[in-house]
Amino acid sequence: MSTTSFAYAGLIGGMSSVFAQQGIPLCQPPSAGEYLLLVVSPTANNQKQLRSALPPELKTITCKYLNETVTRVGGFNKIDDANRWARYVSNIVGLSAIITTRPTAPDVQPQPQPQPQPRTQTPQQTVTYNPQPLGEGYAVLVDYYNRPELANSIQQVVGGNVGFVSYGQRPYLLAVYTTNQTEAYNTLQKLNDRGFVASIVDSRKVILLRSTVRL
């Protein structure tokens, strides 16, 4: 009876965990001018450790972002504040974080295009196609909203080539890949000032599809 009870309790607990994961909502985007910290925390233990390490005044919620379970930490008005907390979470809790933002006064307003043609949706390549993961460091990604022509504007902002990558099973333009944290956050700030929807992610989870894009 005792063994059966424990097995039944374990089964119920496992089912509850599955249903809890299925019921996790999608993350809400940041407000205009807000820097959002998304901490990858797939387990309940990760989430508990993170909440115990953060002060209660920081608003946290568990949600889904790019098919990953994350803890959404919002309320940062400066990139330096978000960067500081990202380092804190990494050093104290050992979890990686994504920083994303929404422009306050966009110079460009990317909108999804109706019924896009396949040949215009994927930026072309100037070198041999050879998908491979990026190495350790930071990748600054830009959501191009089915408008690959934005690569030209991004190239002017970063002053270098713009790549094409996959992250979380979604395509992005790669503005910068670097091991220099300061460079990554400075690039994010520049893109935000110009109105691009950009994020900083762990480059080891990014798949490089094309090193340079052209139109």
N, C-alpha and C. Protein backbone atom coordinates (compact mmCIF):
# COMPACT_ATOMS: atom_id res chain seq x y z
N MET A 1 0.83 -1.20 0.00
CA MET A 1 0.00 0.00 0.00
C MET A 1 0.87 1.26 0.00
N SER A 2 1.94 1.21 0.84
CA SER A 2 2.80 2.38 0.94
C SER A 2 3.51 2.64 -0.38
N THR A 3 4.04 1.56 -1.02
CA THR A 3 4.73 1.72 -2.29
C THR A 3 3.80 2.24 -3.36
N THR A 4 2.58 1.70 -3.37
CA THR A 4 1.60 2.14 -4.35
C THR A 4 1.25 3.61 -4.15
N SER A 5 1.13 4.02 -2.91
CA SER A 5 0.79 5.41 -2.61
C SER A 5 1.88 6.35 -3.09
N PHE A 6 3.14 5.98 -2.85
CA PHE A 6 4.24 6.83 -3.29
C PHE A 6 4.30 6.91 -4.80
N ALA A 7 4.09 5.77 -5.46
CA ALA A 7 4.11 5.76 -6.92
C ALA A 7 2.99 6.62 -7.48
N TYR A 8 1.83 6.53 -6.87
CA TYR A 8 0.69 7.32 -7.32
C TYR A 8 0.96 8.81 -7.12
N ALA A 9 1.53 9.13 -5.95
CA ALA A 9 1.85 10.53 -5.66
C ALA A 9 2.87 11.07 -6.65
N GLY A 10 3.88 10.22 -6.99
CA GLY A 10 4.88 10.65 -7.96
C GLY A 10 4.27 10.88 -9.32
N LEU A 11 3.33 10.00 -9.73
CA LEU A 11 2.68 10.15 -11.02
C LEU A 11 1.87 11.43 -11.07
N ILE A 12 1.12 11.70 -10.00
CA ILE A 12 0.32 12.92 -9.94
C ILE A 12 1.23 14.15 -9.97
N GLY A 13 2.35 14.08 -9.23
CA GLY A 13 3.28 15.20 -9.23
C GLY A 13 3.86 15.45 -10.59
N GLY A 14 4.22 14.36 -11.30
CA GLY A 14 4.76 14.52 -12.65
C GLY A 14 3.75 15.10 -13.60
N MET A 15 2.49 14.64 -13.51
CA MET A 15 1.44 15.19 -14.36
C MET A 15 1.20 16.66 -14.06
N SER A 16 1.23 17.01 -12.79
CA SER A 16 1.03 18.42 -12.41
C SER A 16 2.12 19.28 -12.98
N SER A 17 3.38 18.77 -12.96
CA SER A 17 4.49 19.53 -13.51
C SER A 17 4.31 19.75 -15.00
N VAL A 18 3.87 18.69 -15.72
CA VAL A 18 3.65 18.81 -17.16
C VAL A 18 2.57 19.83 -17.46
N PHE A 19 1.45 19.74 -16.73
CA PHE A 19 0.37 20.69 -16.96
C PHE A 19 0.79 22.11 -16.62
N ALA A 20 1.64 22.24 -15.58
CA ALA A 20 2.12 23.58 -15.21
C ALA A 20 2.97 24.16 -16.32
N GLN A 21 3.82 23.31 -16.93
CA GLN A 21 4.66 23.79 -18.02
C GLN A 21 3.80 24.20 -19.22
N GLN A 22 2.76 23.39 -19.50
CA GLN A 22 1.90 23.69 -20.63
C GLN A 22 1.12 24.97 -20.41
N GLY A 23 0.86 25.29 -19.13
CA GLY A 23 0.05 26.46 -18.84
C GLY A 23 0.84 27.75 -18.71
N ILE A 24 2.16 27.71 -18.96
CA ILE A 24 2.98 28.90 -18.84
C ILE A 24 2.64 29.87 -19.97
N PRO A 25 2.31 31.12 -19.65
CA PRO A 25 1.93 32.08 -20.70
C PRO A 25 3.13 32.58 -21.48
N LEU A 26 2.88 33.17 -22.63
CA LEU A 26 3.92 33.81 -23.41
C LEU A 26 4.34 35.11 -22.72
N CYS A 27 5.61 35.45 -22.84
CA CYS A 27 6.11 36.67 -22.22
C CYS A 27 5.54 37.91 -22.91
N GLN A 28 5.14 38.87 -22.12
CA GLN A 28 4.70 40.14 -22.66
C GLN A 28 5.90 40.98 -23.06
N PRO A 29 5.83 41.71 -24.16
CA PRO A 29 6.96 42.52 -24.60
C PRO A 29 7.21 43.68 -23.64
N PRO A 30 8.40 44.25 -23.66
CA PRO A 30 8.69 45.39 -22.79
C PRO A 30 7.91 46.62 -23.21
N SER A 31 7.72 47.52 -22.29
CA SER A 31 7.10 48.80 -22.61
C SER A 31 8.11 49.66 -23.37
N ALA A 32 7.63 50.71 -23.99
CA ALA A 32 8.52 51.60 -24.74
C ALA A 32 9.58 52.17 -23.81
N GLY A 33 10.84 51.99 -24.19
CA GLY A 33 11.95 52.52 -23.39
C GLY A 33 12.35 51.65 -22.22
N GLU A 34 11.68 50.51 -22.02
CA GLU A 34 12.00 49.62 -20.91
C GLU A 34 13.00 48.56 -21.35
N TYR A 35 13.95 48.25 -20.48
CA TYR A 35 14.89 47.16 -20.72
C TYR A 35 14.44 45.96 -19.90
N LEU A 36 14.22 44.87 -20.60
CA LEU A 36 13.64 43.67 -19.99
C LEU A 36 14.70 42.60 -19.84
N LEU A 37 14.73 41.97 -18.67
CA LEU A 37 15.65 40.89 -18.39
C LEU A 37 14.88 39.58 -18.41
N LEU A 38 15.28 38.66 -19.28
CA LEU A 38 14.65 37.35 -19.39
C LEU A 38 15.68 36.31 -18.97
N VAL A 39 15.47 35.72 -17.80
CA VAL A 39 16.42 34.76 -17.24
C VAL A 39 15.95 33.35 -17.56
N VAL A 40 16.79 32.60 -18.26
CA VAL A 40 16.44 31.23 -18.64
C VAL A 40 16.37 30.39 -17.37
N SER A 41 15.16 29.93 -17.02
CA SER A 41 14.94 29.18 -15.77
C SER A 41 13.92 28.07 -16.02
N PRO A 42 14.36 26.96 -16.62
CA PRO A 42 13.43 25.92 -17.05
C PRO A 42 12.80 25.10 -15.94
N THR A 43 13.41 25.05 -14.76
CA THR A 43 12.87 24.21 -13.68
C THR A 43 12.32 25.06 -12.55
N ALA A 44 11.45 24.44 -11.76
CA ALA A 44 10.87 25.13 -10.61
C ALA A 44 11.94 25.52 -9.60
N ASN A 45 12.99 24.69 -9.49
CA ASN A 45 14.08 24.99 -8.59
C ASN A 45 14.86 26.22 -9.05
N ASN A 46 15.09 26.32 -10.38
CA ASN A 46 15.74 27.51 -10.94
C ASN A 46 14.95 28.76 -10.59
N GLN A 47 13.65 28.69 -10.79
CA GLN A 47 12.78 29.84 -10.55
C GLN A 47 12.76 30.23 -9.07
N LYS A 48 12.76 29.23 -8.20
CA LYS A 48 12.77 29.49 -6.76
C LYS A 48 14.07 30.15 -6.33
N GLN A 49 15.20 29.61 -6.83
CA GLN A 49 16.50 30.19 -6.49
C GLN A 49 16.61 31.63 -6.98
N LEU A 50 16.11 31.87 -8.18
CA LEU A 50 16.19 33.21 -8.74
C LEU A 50 15.38 34.20 -7.92
N ARG A 51 14.15 33.84 -7.58
CA ARG A 51 13.30 34.75 -6.81
C ARG A 51 13.87 35.03 -5.43
N SER A 52 14.51 34.02 -4.84
CA SER A 52 15.11 34.23 -3.51
C SER A 52 16.33 35.13 -3.58
N ALA A 53 16.95 35.21 -4.76
CA ALA A 53 18.15 36.04 -4.92
C ALA A 53 17.83 37.47 -5.32
N LEU A 54 16.61 37.70 -5.80
CA LEU A 54 16.23 39.04 -6.25
C LEU A 54 15.44 39.77 -5.17
N PRO A 55 15.59 41.07 -5.09
CA PRO A 55 14.80 41.84 -4.13
C PRO A 55 13.34 41.83 -4.51
N PRO A 56 12.43 41.92 -3.51
CA PRO A 56 10.99 41.82 -3.80
C PRO A 56 10.45 42.94 -4.67
N GLU A 57 11.15 44.08 -4.72
CA GLU A 57 10.64 45.19 -5.52
C GLU A 57 10.77 44.96 -7.02
N LEU A 58 11.60 43.99 -7.41
CA LEU A 58 11.70 43.65 -8.82
C LEU A 58 10.55 42.71 -9.20
N LYS A 59 9.80 43.10 -10.21
CA LYS A 59 8.64 42.32 -10.64
C LYS A 59 9.11 41.13 -11.48
N THR A 60 8.72 39.92 -11.08
CA THR A 60 9.10 38.72 -11.81
C THR A 60 7.87 37.90 -12.17
N ILE A 61 7.93 37.23 -13.30
CA ILE A 61 6.86 36.33 -13.72
C ILE A 61 7.47 35.26 -14.62
N THR A 62 7.01 34.04 -14.47
CA THR A 62 7.48 32.94 -15.32
C THR A 62 6.66 32.92 -16.61
N CYS A 63 7.36 32.86 -17.74
CA CYS A 63 6.66 32.88 -19.03
C CYS A 63 7.52 32.20 -20.09
N LYS A 64 6.96 32.08 -21.30
CA LYS A 64 7.63 31.42 -22.41
C LYS A 64 8.19 32.47 -23.37
N TYR A 65 9.47 32.28 -23.77
CA TYR A 65 10.10 33.17 -24.74
C TYR A 65 10.95 32.32 -25.67
N LEU A 66 10.62 32.32 -26.97
CA LEU A 66 11.37 31.54 -27.95
C LEU A 66 11.48 30.07 -27.54
N ASN A 67 10.34 29.49 -27.12
CA ASN A 67 10.26 28.08 -26.74
C ASN A 67 11.07 27.74 -25.50
N GLU A 68 11.49 28.74 -24.74
CA GLU A 68 12.21 28.50 -23.50
C GLU A 68 11.41 29.08 -22.33
N THR A 69 11.48 28.39 -21.19
CA THR A 69 10.86 28.91 -19.97
C THR A 69 11.82 29.90 -19.32
N VAL A 70 11.36 31.12 -19.13
CA VAL A 70 12.21 32.17 -18.57
C VAL A 70 11.47 32.87 -17.43
N THR A 71 12.24 33.58 -16.64
CA THR A 71 11.66 34.47 -15.64
C THR A 71 11.81 35.89 -16.13
N ARG A 72 10.70 36.54 -16.31
CA ARG A 72 10.68 37.91 -16.84
C ARG A 72 10.88 38.90 -15.70
N VAL A 73 11.94 39.67 -15.79
CA VAL A 73 12.25 40.68 -14.77
C VAL A 73 12.21 42.04 -15.46
N GLY A 74 11.25 42.87 -15.12
CA GLY A 74 11.07 44.14 -15.81
C GLY A 74 11.29 45.34 -14.91
N GLY A 75 11.08 46.51 -15.51
CA GLY A 75 11.15 47.75 -14.75
C GLY A 75 12.45 48.51 -14.85
N PHE A 76 13.35 48.11 -15.78
CA PHE A 76 14.63 48.81 -15.91
C PHE A 76 14.51 49.90 -16.99
N ASN A 77 14.89 51.10 -16.63
CA ASN A 77 14.84 52.22 -17.56
C ASN A 77 16.19 52.52 -18.20
N LYS A 78 17.24 51.90 -17.68
CA LYS A 78 18.59 52.12 -18.19
C LYS A 78 19.23 50.78 -18.50
N ILE A 79 19.97 50.74 -19.59
CA ILE A 79 20.63 49.50 -19.97
C ILE A 79 21.69 49.09 -18.95
N ASP A 80 22.32 50.07 -18.30
CA ASP A 80 23.32 49.75 -17.30
C ASP A 80 22.71 48.98 -16.13
N ASP A 81 21.47 49.35 -15.75
CA ASP A 81 20.79 48.65 -14.66
C ASP A 81 20.49 47.20 -15.05
N ALA A 82 19.96 47.02 -16.27
CA ALA A 82 19.67 45.66 -16.73
C ALA A 82 20.94 44.83 -16.84
N ASN A 83 22.01 45.46 -17.33
CA ASN A 83 23.29 44.78 -17.47
C ASN A 83 23.83 44.36 -16.10
N ARG A 84 23.71 45.24 -15.13
CA ARG A 84 24.20 44.94 -13.78
C ARG A 84 23.46 43.75 -13.17
N TRP A 85 22.14 43.73 -13.35
CA TRP A 85 21.36 42.62 -12.80
C TRP A 85 21.60 41.33 -13.56
N ALA A 86 21.87 41.43 -14.87
CA ALA A 86 22.20 40.24 -15.65
C ALA A 86 23.49 39.60 -15.13
N ARG A 87 24.49 40.44 -14.84
CA ARG A 87 25.75 39.92 -14.28
C ARG A 87 25.51 39.33 -12.90
N TYR A 88 24.67 39.99 -12.10
CA TYR A 88 24.36 39.50 -10.76
C TYR A 88 23.73 38.11 -10.81
N VAL A 89 22.74 37.96 -11.70
CA VAL A 89 22.05 36.67 -11.83
C VAL A 89 23.03 35.59 -12.28
N SER A 90 23.91 35.93 -13.21
CA SER A 90 24.88 34.96 -13.71
C SER A 90 25.86 34.55 -12.62
N ASN A 91 26.34 35.52 -11.84
CA ASN A 91 27.35 35.24 -10.82
C ASN A 91 26.76 34.55 -9.58
N ILE A 92 25.57 34.98 -9.16
CA ILE A 92 25.00 34.49 -7.91
C ILE A 92 24.18 33.22 -8.11
N VAL A 93 23.34 33.20 -9.15
CA VAL A 93 22.43 32.07 -9.36
C VAL A 93 22.97 31.11 -10.43
N GLY A 94 23.84 31.61 -11.30
CA GLY A 94 24.40 30.76 -12.34
C GLY A 94 23.49 30.54 -13.52
N LEU A 95 22.56 31.48 -13.77
CA LEU A 95 21.63 31.37 -14.89
C LEU A 95 21.95 32.44 -15.93
N SER A 96 21.75 32.09 -17.20
CA SER A 96 22.01 33.06 -18.27
C SER A 96 20.77 33.92 -18.50
N ALA A 97 20.99 35.13 -18.98
CA ALA A 97 19.89 36.08 -19.15
C ALA A 97 19.94 36.72 -20.54
N ILE A 98 18.77 37.10 -21.02
CA ILE A 98 18.61 37.81 -22.28
C ILE A 98 18.11 39.20 -21.96
N ILE A 99 18.69 40.20 -22.60
CA ILE A 99 18.20 41.57 -22.44
C ILE A 99 17.57 42.01 -23.74
N THR A 100 16.35 42.52 -23.64
CA THR A 100 15.67 43.03 -24.82
C THR A 100 14.98 44.34 -24.47
N THR A 101 14.60 45.09 -25.48
CA THR A 101 14.00 46.39 -25.24
C THR A 101 13.09 46.76 -26.40
N ARG A 102 12.31 47.81 -26.19
CA ARG A 102 11.48 48.36 -27.26
C ARG A 102 11.84 49.83 -27.41
N PRO A 103 12.06 50.30 -28.61
CA PRO A 103 12.46 51.69 -28.81
C PRO A 103 11.39 52.66 -28.31
N THR A 104 11.85 53.84 -27.88
CA THR A 104 10.93 54.87 -27.43
C THR A 104 10.44 55.74 -28.57
N ALA A 105 11.33 56.04 -29.51
CA ALA A 105 10.95 56.89 -30.64
C ALA A 105 11.60 56.33 -31.90
N PRO A 106 11.00 55.28 -32.47
CA PRO A 106 11.65 54.59 -33.57
C PRO A 106 11.82 55.44 -34.81
N ASP A 107 13.00 55.32 -35.44
CA ASP A 107 13.24 55.95 -36.73
C ASP A 107 12.75 55.06 -37.86
N VAL A 108 12.69 53.74 -37.56
CA VAL A 108 12.11 52.80 -38.51
C VAL A 108 10.97 52.09 -37.82
N GLN A 109 9.94 51.75 -38.55
CA GLN A 109 8.78 51.10 -37.98
C GLN A 109 8.50 49.81 -38.75
N PRO A 110 9.23 48.75 -38.43
CA PRO A 110 9.05 47.49 -39.16
C PRO A 110 7.68 46.91 -38.93
N GLN A 111 7.01 46.51 -40.00
CA GLN A 111 5.70 45.90 -39.93
C GLN A 111 5.71 44.62 -40.75
N PRO A 112 5.03 43.57 -40.27
CA PRO A 112 4.95 42.34 -41.07
C PRO A 112 4.30 42.61 -42.41
N GLN A 113 4.85 42.01 -43.45
CA GLN A 113 4.33 42.20 -44.79
C GLN A 113 3.27 41.15 -45.11
N PRO A 114 2.13 41.52 -45.70
CA PRO A 114 1.11 40.55 -46.05
C PRO A 114 1.56 39.64 -47.18
N GLN A 115 1.31 38.32 -47.00
CA GLN A 115 1.61 37.31 -48.01
C GLN A 115 3.01 37.50 -48.62
N PRO A 116 4.05 37.41 -47.78
CA PRO A 116 5.42 37.62 -48.29
C PRO A 116 5.82 36.55 -49.28
N GLN A 117 6.60 36.94 -50.28
CA GLN A 117 7.11 36.01 -51.26
C GLN A 117 8.36 35.32 -50.70
N PRO A 118 8.50 34.02 -50.90
CA PRO A 118 9.63 33.28 -50.31
C PRO A 118 10.98 33.86 -50.66
N ARG A 119 11.17 34.34 -51.89
CA ARG A 119 12.49 34.81 -52.29
C ARG A 119 12.89 36.11 -51.63
N THR A 120 11.92 36.83 -51.03
CA THR A 120 12.25 38.09 -50.38
C THR A 120 12.33 37.94 -48.86
N GLN A 121 12.02 36.75 -48.33
CA GLN A 121 11.95 36.60 -46.89
C GLN A 121 13.27 36.16 -46.27
N THR A 122 14.15 35.57 -47.05
CA THR A 122 15.41 35.09 -46.53
C THR A 122 16.56 35.86 -47.16
N PRO A 123 17.31 36.61 -46.36
CA PRO A 123 18.44 37.34 -46.93
C PRO A 123 19.39 36.40 -47.65
N GLN A 124 19.96 36.88 -48.75
CA GLN A 124 20.85 36.06 -49.53
C GLN A 124 22.25 36.07 -48.93
N GLN A 125 23.07 35.18 -49.42
CA GLN A 125 24.39 34.94 -48.84
C GLN A 125 25.48 35.27 -49.84
N THR A 126 26.58 35.81 -49.33
CA THR A 126 27.69 36.11 -50.21
C THR A 126 28.82 35.10 -50.06
N VAL A 127 28.66 34.15 -49.12
CA VAL A 127 29.65 33.09 -48.94
C VAL A 127 28.93 31.75 -48.94
N THR A 128 29.68 30.67 -48.90
CA THR A 128 29.10 29.34 -48.94
C THR A 128 28.21 29.09 -47.74
N TYR A 129 27.05 28.50 -48.00
CA TYR A 129 26.10 28.19 -46.93
C TYR A 129 26.65 27.08 -46.05
N ASN A 130 26.83 27.34 -44.79
CA ASN A 130 27.41 26.36 -43.88
C ASN A 130 26.94 26.64 -42.46
N PRO A 131 25.72 26.20 -42.12
CA PRO A 131 25.17 26.48 -40.77
C PRO A 131 26.07 25.93 -39.69
N GLN A 132 26.34 26.76 -38.67
CA GLN A 132 27.17 26.33 -37.57
C GLN A 132 26.89 27.21 -36.36
N PRO A 133 27.02 26.65 -35.16
CA PRO A 133 26.78 27.45 -33.95
C PRO A 133 27.91 28.45 -33.73
N LEU A 134 27.54 29.60 -33.21
CA LEU A 134 28.55 30.57 -32.82
C LEU A 134 29.26 30.09 -31.56
N GLY A 135 30.40 30.66 -31.29
CA GLY A 135 31.14 30.28 -30.09
C GLY A 135 30.67 31.04 -28.86
N GLU A 136 31.46 30.98 -27.83
CA GLU A 136 31.13 31.65 -26.58
C GLU A 136 31.20 33.16 -26.75
N GLY A 137 30.25 33.86 -26.15
CA GLY A 137 30.24 35.31 -26.24
C GLY A 137 28.84 35.86 -26.24
N TYR A 138 28.67 36.99 -26.91
CA TYR A 138 27.38 37.70 -26.95
C TYR A 138 26.98 37.96 -28.40
N ALA A 139 25.70 37.72 -28.68
CA ALA A 139 25.17 37.99 -30.01
C ALA A 139 24.06 39.03 -29.88
N VAL A 140 24.14 40.08 -30.67
CA VAL A 140 23.10 41.10 -30.71
C VAL A 140 22.23 40.82 -31.92
N LEU A 141 20.99 40.42 -31.67
CA LEU A 141 20.07 40.02 -32.74
C LEU A 141 19.00 41.08 -32.96
N VAL A 142 18.57 41.20 -34.20
CA VAL A 142 17.54 42.17 -34.57
C VAL A 142 16.39 41.43 -35.25
N ASP A 143 15.19 41.64 -34.76
CA ASP A 143 14.00 41.08 -35.40
C ASP A 143 13.68 41.93 -36.61
N TYR A 144 13.75 41.33 -37.80
CA TYR A 144 13.63 42.12 -39.02
C TYR A 144 12.23 42.11 -39.61
N TYR A 145 11.28 41.43 -38.94
CA TYR A 145 9.86 41.48 -39.32
C TYR A 145 9.64 41.24 -40.82
N ASN A 146 10.29 40.21 -41.35
CA ASN A 146 10.14 39.86 -42.77
C ASN A 146 10.56 41.00 -43.71
N ARG A 147 11.46 41.84 -43.24
CA ARG A 147 11.98 42.94 -44.07
C ARG A 147 13.51 42.88 -44.08
N PRO A 148 14.07 41.96 -44.85
CA PRO A 148 15.53 41.80 -44.87
C PRO A 148 16.26 43.05 -45.34
N GLU A 149 15.55 43.97 -46.00
CA GLU A 149 16.21 45.20 -46.44
C GLU A 149 16.68 46.05 -45.26
N LEU A 150 16.18 45.73 -44.05
CA LEU A 150 16.64 46.45 -42.86
C LEU A 150 18.13 46.18 -42.60
N ALA A 151 18.67 45.13 -43.20
CA ALA A 151 20.09 44.82 -43.00
C ALA A 151 20.97 45.99 -43.42
N ASN A 152 20.55 46.72 -44.47
CA ASN A 152 21.35 47.86 -44.92
C ASN A 152 21.41 48.95 -43.85
N SER A 153 20.27 49.22 -43.20
CA SER A 153 20.23 50.24 -42.15
C SER A 153 21.02 49.79 -40.93
N ILE A 154 20.91 48.50 -40.59
CA ILE A 154 21.65 47.97 -39.44
C ILE A 154 23.14 48.04 -39.69
N GLN A 155 23.55 47.76 -40.93
CA GLN A 155 24.97 47.81 -41.27
C GLN A 155 25.53 49.22 -41.08
N GLN A 156 24.73 50.23 -41.39
CA GLN A 156 25.17 51.61 -41.19
C GLN A 156 25.33 51.93 -39.72
N VAL A 157 24.48 51.34 -38.88
CA VAL A 157 24.55 51.60 -37.44
C VAL A 157 25.78 50.94 -36.82
N VAL A 158 26.01 49.67 -37.17
CA VAL A 158 27.10 48.92 -36.53
C VAL A 158 28.43 49.11 -37.24
N GLY A 159 28.39 49.61 -38.47
CA GLY A 159 29.63 49.83 -39.20
C GLY A 159 30.34 48.57 -39.62
N GLY A 160 29.57 47.53 -39.92
CA GLY A 160 30.17 46.27 -40.34
C GLY A 160 29.14 45.37 -40.99
N ASN A 161 29.56 44.17 -41.36
CA ASN A 161 28.66 43.24 -42.02
C ASN A 161 27.56 42.76 -41.08
N VAL A 162 26.41 42.45 -41.65
CA VAL A 162 25.28 41.93 -40.90
C VAL A 162 25.03 40.49 -41.35
N GLY A 163 24.92 39.58 -40.39
CA GLY A 163 24.71 38.18 -40.70
C GLY A 163 23.26 37.76 -40.57
N PHE A 164 23.01 36.50 -40.85
CA PHE A 164 21.67 35.93 -40.76
C PHE A 164 21.77 34.67 -39.91
N VAL A 165 20.95 34.58 -38.84
CA VAL A 165 21.09 33.50 -37.87
C VAL A 165 19.73 32.94 -37.48
N SER A 166 19.79 31.82 -36.76
CA SER A 166 18.61 31.21 -36.17
C SER A 166 18.80 31.15 -34.66
N TYR A 167 17.77 31.56 -33.94
CA TYR A 167 17.82 31.50 -32.47
C TYR A 167 16.42 31.13 -31.98
N GLY A 168 16.32 30.05 -31.20
CA GLY A 168 15.01 29.62 -30.73
C GLY A 168 14.08 29.27 -31.87
N GLN A 169 14.65 28.70 -32.94
CA GLN A 169 13.90 28.27 -34.13
C GLN A 169 13.25 29.44 -34.85
N ARG A 170 13.82 30.63 -34.70
CA ARG A 170 13.33 31.80 -35.41
C ARG A 170 14.50 32.51 -36.08
N PRO A 171 14.29 33.13 -37.25
CA PRO A 171 15.37 33.82 -37.95
C PRO A 171 15.56 35.25 -37.42
N TYR A 172 16.81 35.68 -37.40
CA TYR A 172 17.15 37.03 -36.97
C TYR A 172 18.31 37.54 -37.81
N LEU A 173 18.46 38.85 -37.86
CA LEU A 173 19.65 39.46 -38.40
C LEU A 173 20.67 39.59 -37.27
N LEU A 174 21.90 39.23 -37.56
CA LEU A 174 22.97 39.30 -36.56
C LEU A 174 23.71 40.62 -36.72
N ALA A 175 23.52 41.52 -35.77
CA ALA A 175 24.18 42.82 -35.83
C ALA A 175 25.63 42.72 -35.39
N VAL A 176 25.87 42.01 -34.29
CA VAL A 176 27.22 41.89 -33.75
C VAL A 176 27.35 40.55 -33.02
N TYR A 177 28.48 39.90 -33.23
CA TYR A 177 28.88 38.75 -32.41
C TYR A 177 30.24 39.07 -31.82
N THR A 178 30.34 39.07 -30.49
CA THR A 178 31.57 39.50 -29.84
C THR A 178 31.71 38.82 -28.48
N THR A 179 32.93 38.75 -28.01
CA THR A 179 33.19 38.27 -26.64
C THR A 179 33.32 39.45 -25.68
N ASN A 180 33.22 40.66 -26.22
CA ASN A 180 33.34 41.87 -25.41
C ASN A 180 31.95 42.31 -24.97
N GLN A 181 31.67 42.19 -23.69
CA GLN A 181 30.34 42.51 -23.17
C GLN A 181 29.99 43.98 -23.38
N THR A 182 30.96 44.85 -23.17
CA THR A 182 30.72 46.28 -23.34
C THR A 182 30.34 46.61 -24.77
N GLU A 183 31.03 46.00 -25.73
CA GLU A 183 30.72 46.23 -27.13
C GLU A 183 29.30 45.78 -27.46
N ALA A 184 28.91 44.64 -26.90
CA ALA A 184 27.57 44.11 -27.17
C ALA A 184 26.50 45.06 -26.65
N TYR A 185 26.66 45.55 -25.43
CA TYR A 185 25.64 46.42 -24.85
C TYR A 185 25.65 47.81 -25.51
N ASN A 186 26.80 48.27 -25.93
CA ASN A 186 26.85 49.54 -26.66
C ASN A 186 26.13 49.43 -28.00
N THR A 187 26.28 48.28 -28.65
CA THR A 187 25.58 48.06 -29.93
C THR A 187 24.08 47.99 -29.72
N LEU A 188 23.66 47.32 -28.65
CA LEU A 188 22.23 47.25 -28.34
C LEU A 188 21.67 48.66 -28.12
N GLN A 189 22.42 49.49 -27.43
CA GLN A 189 21.98 50.86 -27.18
C GLN A 189 21.85 51.64 -28.49
N LYS A 190 22.83 51.50 -29.38
CA LYS A 190 22.78 52.20 -30.67
C LYS A 190 21.56 51.77 -31.48
N LEU A 191 21.32 50.47 -31.52
CA LEU A 191 20.18 49.96 -32.29
C LEU A 191 18.86 50.42 -31.69
N ASN A 192 18.80 50.46 -30.37
CA ASN A 192 17.59 50.94 -29.71
C ASN A 192 17.34 52.40 -30.03
N ASP A 193 18.41 53.20 -30.01
CA ASP A 193 18.27 54.62 -30.31
C ASP A 193 17.78 54.86 -31.74
N ARG A 194 18.10 53.93 -32.64
CA ARG A 194 17.68 54.05 -34.03
C ARG A 194 16.33 53.40 -34.31
N GLY A 195 15.73 52.79 -33.28
CA GLY A 195 14.39 52.25 -33.44
C GLY A 195 14.29 50.79 -33.79
N PHE A 196 15.39 50.02 -33.67
CA PHE A 196 15.34 48.60 -33.98
C PHE A 196 14.98 47.80 -32.73
N VAL A 197 14.28 46.69 -32.94
CA VAL A 197 13.93 45.78 -31.85
C VAL A 197 15.05 44.76 -31.74
N ALA A 198 15.93 44.95 -30.77
CA ALA A 198 17.14 44.14 -30.65
C ALA A 198 17.20 43.44 -29.30
N SER A 199 17.98 42.36 -29.26
CA SER A 199 18.17 41.59 -28.04
C SER A 199 19.62 41.13 -27.95
N ILE A 200 20.09 40.94 -26.71
CA ILE A 200 21.40 40.34 -26.47
C ILE A 200 21.17 38.94 -25.93
N VAL A 201 21.80 37.94 -26.56
CA VAL A 201 21.61 36.56 -26.15
C VAL A 201 22.96 35.86 -26.04
N ASP A 202 22.93 34.69 -25.42
CA ASP A 202 24.12 33.84 -25.33
C ASP A 202 24.43 33.32 -26.74
N SER A 203 25.58 33.69 -27.28
CA SER A 203 25.89 33.35 -28.66
C SER A 203 26.06 31.85 -28.89
N ARG A 204 26.27 31.08 -27.84
CA ARG A 204 26.43 29.64 -28.01
C ARG A 204 25.13 28.97 -28.45
N LYS A 205 24.00 29.67 -28.27
CA LYS A 205 22.70 29.12 -28.66
C LYS A 205 22.24 29.65 -30.01
N VAL A 206 23.12 30.36 -30.70
CA VAL A 206 22.78 30.96 -31.99
C VAL A 206 23.43 30.15 -33.11
N ILE A 207 22.65 29.86 -34.14
CA ILE A 207 23.16 29.13 -35.30
C ILE A 207 23.38 30.13 -36.44
N LEU A 208 24.62 30.23 -36.89
CA LEU A 208 24.95 31.12 -37.99
C LEU A 208 24.55 30.47 -39.31
N LEU A 209 23.66 31.12 -40.06
CA LEU A 209 23.21 30.62 -41.35
C LEU A 209 23.96 31.28 -42.49
N ARG A 210 24.19 32.59 -42.38
CA ARG A 210 24.91 33.33 -43.41
C ARG A 210 25.76 34.40 -42.72
N SER A 211 27.02 34.43 -43.04
CA SER A 211 27.92 35.38 -42.38
C SER A 211 27.68 36.81 -42.86
N THR A 212 27.24 36.97 -44.10
CA THR A 212 26.98 38.30 -44.65
C THR A 212 25.74 38.21 -45.52
N VAL A 213 24.85 39.19 -45.38
CA VAL A 213 23.64 39.21 -46.19
C VAL A 213 23.70 40.38 -47.16
N ARG A 214 23.04 40.21 -48.28
CA ARG A 214 22.93 41.27 -49.27
C ARG A 214 21.54 41.19 -49.88
N LEU A 215 21.12 42.26 -50.54
CA LEU A 215 19.79 42.32 -51.15
C LEU A 215 19.92 42.34 -52.66
